[in-house]
Amino acid sequence: MTRSTYETVAHVLTEQFHVEPQLIAPEVSLGSLGLDSLSLVEFVFSLEDHFGLRIPEDRLDPRQGDLTLASVCAALDAAIAQRDDKPAAAD
């Protein structure tokens, strides 16, 4: 988990989902932060939009209430790395 990814995820939680900053830690589950199943899906979509990518459901299923912030960040880092490793499209 990169620091910048974690900080971005924490920012989205505090700004868009009104989670208190002192509750946010890598090992905390999203369910324990008060995100219900709909909020979890919205949270993942918000992160995908923010980073400009899509995370395959097999890497991160937002319906899993036991997802931790660390697992979300790891899935984002993997998707970012995969996106960045793809060669640019030829014109």
Protein backbone atom coordinates (compact mmCIF):
# COMPACT_ATOMS: atom_id res chain seq x y z
CA MET A 1 0.00 0.00 0.00
CA THR A 2 1.51 3.30 -1.04
CA ARG A 3 1.23 6.32 1.19
CA SER A 4 -0.37 8.46 -1.53
CA THR A 5 -3.04 5.83 -2.22
CA TYR A 6 -3.82 5.50 1.48
CA GLU A 7 -4.01 9.27 1.92
CA THR A 8 -6.37 9.58 -1.05
CA VAL A 9 -8.60 6.79 0.25
CA ALA A 10 -8.67 8.43 3.69
CA HIS A 11 -9.54 11.78 2.12
CA VAL A 12 -12.46 10.28 0.17
CA LEU A 13 -13.74 8.67 3.37
CA THR A 14 -13.62 11.92 5.33
CA GLU A 15 -14.88 14.26 2.63
CA GLN A 16 -17.50 12.22 0.81
CA PHE A 17 -18.59 9.72 3.47
CA HIS A 18 -18.11 11.92 6.57
CA VAL A 19 -15.96 9.40 8.44
CA GLU A 20 -14.10 10.91 11.39
CA PRO A 21 -10.35 11.03 10.57
CA GLN A 22 -9.34 9.49 13.91
CA LEU A 23 -11.28 6.32 13.01
CA ILE A 24 -9.29 5.73 9.83
CA ALA A 25 -6.45 3.18 10.00
CA PRO A 26 -5.17 0.53 7.56
CA GLU A 27 -6.51 -2.43 9.55
CA VAL A 28 -10.00 -0.94 10.02
CA SER A 29 -12.83 -2.64 8.14
CA LEU A 30 -15.09 -0.48 6.04
CA GLY A 31 -18.13 -1.95 7.76
CA SER A 32 -16.86 -0.78 11.14
CA LEU A 33 -16.66 2.77 9.76
CA GLY A 34 -20.41 2.74 9.26
CA LEU A 35 -20.49 2.07 5.53
CA ASP A 36 -23.44 -0.14 4.67
CA SER A 37 -23.55 -2.27 1.51
CA LEU A 38 -24.78 0.59 -0.69
CA SER A 39 -22.18 2.97 0.74
CA LEU A 40 -19.46 0.38 0.11
CA VAL A 41 -20.39 0.18 -3.56
CA GLU A 42 -20.54 3.98 -3.81
CA PHE A 43 -17.16 4.21 -2.07
CA VAL A 44 -15.49 1.84 -4.54
CA PHE A 45 -17.08 3.66 -7.50
CA SER A 46 -15.88 6.98 -6.10
CA LEU A 47 -12.32 5.65 -5.79
CA GLU A 48 -12.43 4.22 -9.31
CA ASP A 49 -13.58 7.59 -10.65
CA HIS A 50 -10.96 9.46 -8.65
CA PHE A 51 -8.11 7.26 -9.89
CA GLY A 52 -9.54 6.91 -13.41
CA LEU A 53 -9.61 3.11 -13.42
CA ARG A 54 -11.80 0.10 -12.80
CA ILE A 55 -11.04 -2.57 -10.24
CA PRO A 56 -12.16 -6.08 -11.21
CA GLU A 57 -14.63 -7.56 -8.71
CA ASP A 58 -12.35 -10.53 -8.14
CA ARG A 59 -9.77 -8.07 -6.73
CA LEU A 60 -12.19 -6.00 -4.67
CA ASP A 61 -15.84 -6.86 -4.13
CA PRO A 62 -17.52 -3.88 -2.44
CA ARG A 63 -20.23 -6.16 -1.07
CA GLN A 64 -17.71 -7.63 1.37
CA GLY A 65 -18.28 -5.86 4.67
CA ASP A 66 -14.98 -7.10 6.07
CA LEU A 67 -12.82 -5.24 3.58
CA THR A 68 -10.06 -3.30 5.29
CA LEU A 69 -8.58 -0.03 4.15
CA ALA A 70 -5.31 -1.86 3.53
CA SER A 71 -7.02 -4.34 1.18
CA VAL A 72 -8.72 -1.49 -0.69
CA CYS A 73 -5.39 0.31 -1.08
CA ALA A 74 -3.66 -2.89 -2.23
CA ALA A 75 -6.33 -3.45 -4.90
CA LEU A 76 -6.00 0.17 -6.04
CA ASP A 77 -2.19 -0.05 -6.16
CA ALA A 78 -2.41 -3.25 -8.24
CA ALA A 79 -4.89 -1.64 -10.67
CA ILE A 80 -2.71 1.47 -10.95
CA ALA A 81 0.39 -0.64 -11.63
CA GLN A 82 -1.44 -2.67 -14.26
CA ARG A 83 -2.73 0.49 -15.92
CA ASP A 84 0.71 2.10 -15.89
CA ASP A 85 2.37 -1.03 -17.33
CA LYS A 86 0.15 -1.07 -20.41
CA PRO A 87 1.79 0.37 -23.51
CA ALA A 88 0.29 3.58 -24.85
CA ALA A 89 -2.12 3.15 -27.76
CA ALA A 90 -0.65 3.89 -31.17
CA ASP A 91 -2.19 6.76 -33.11
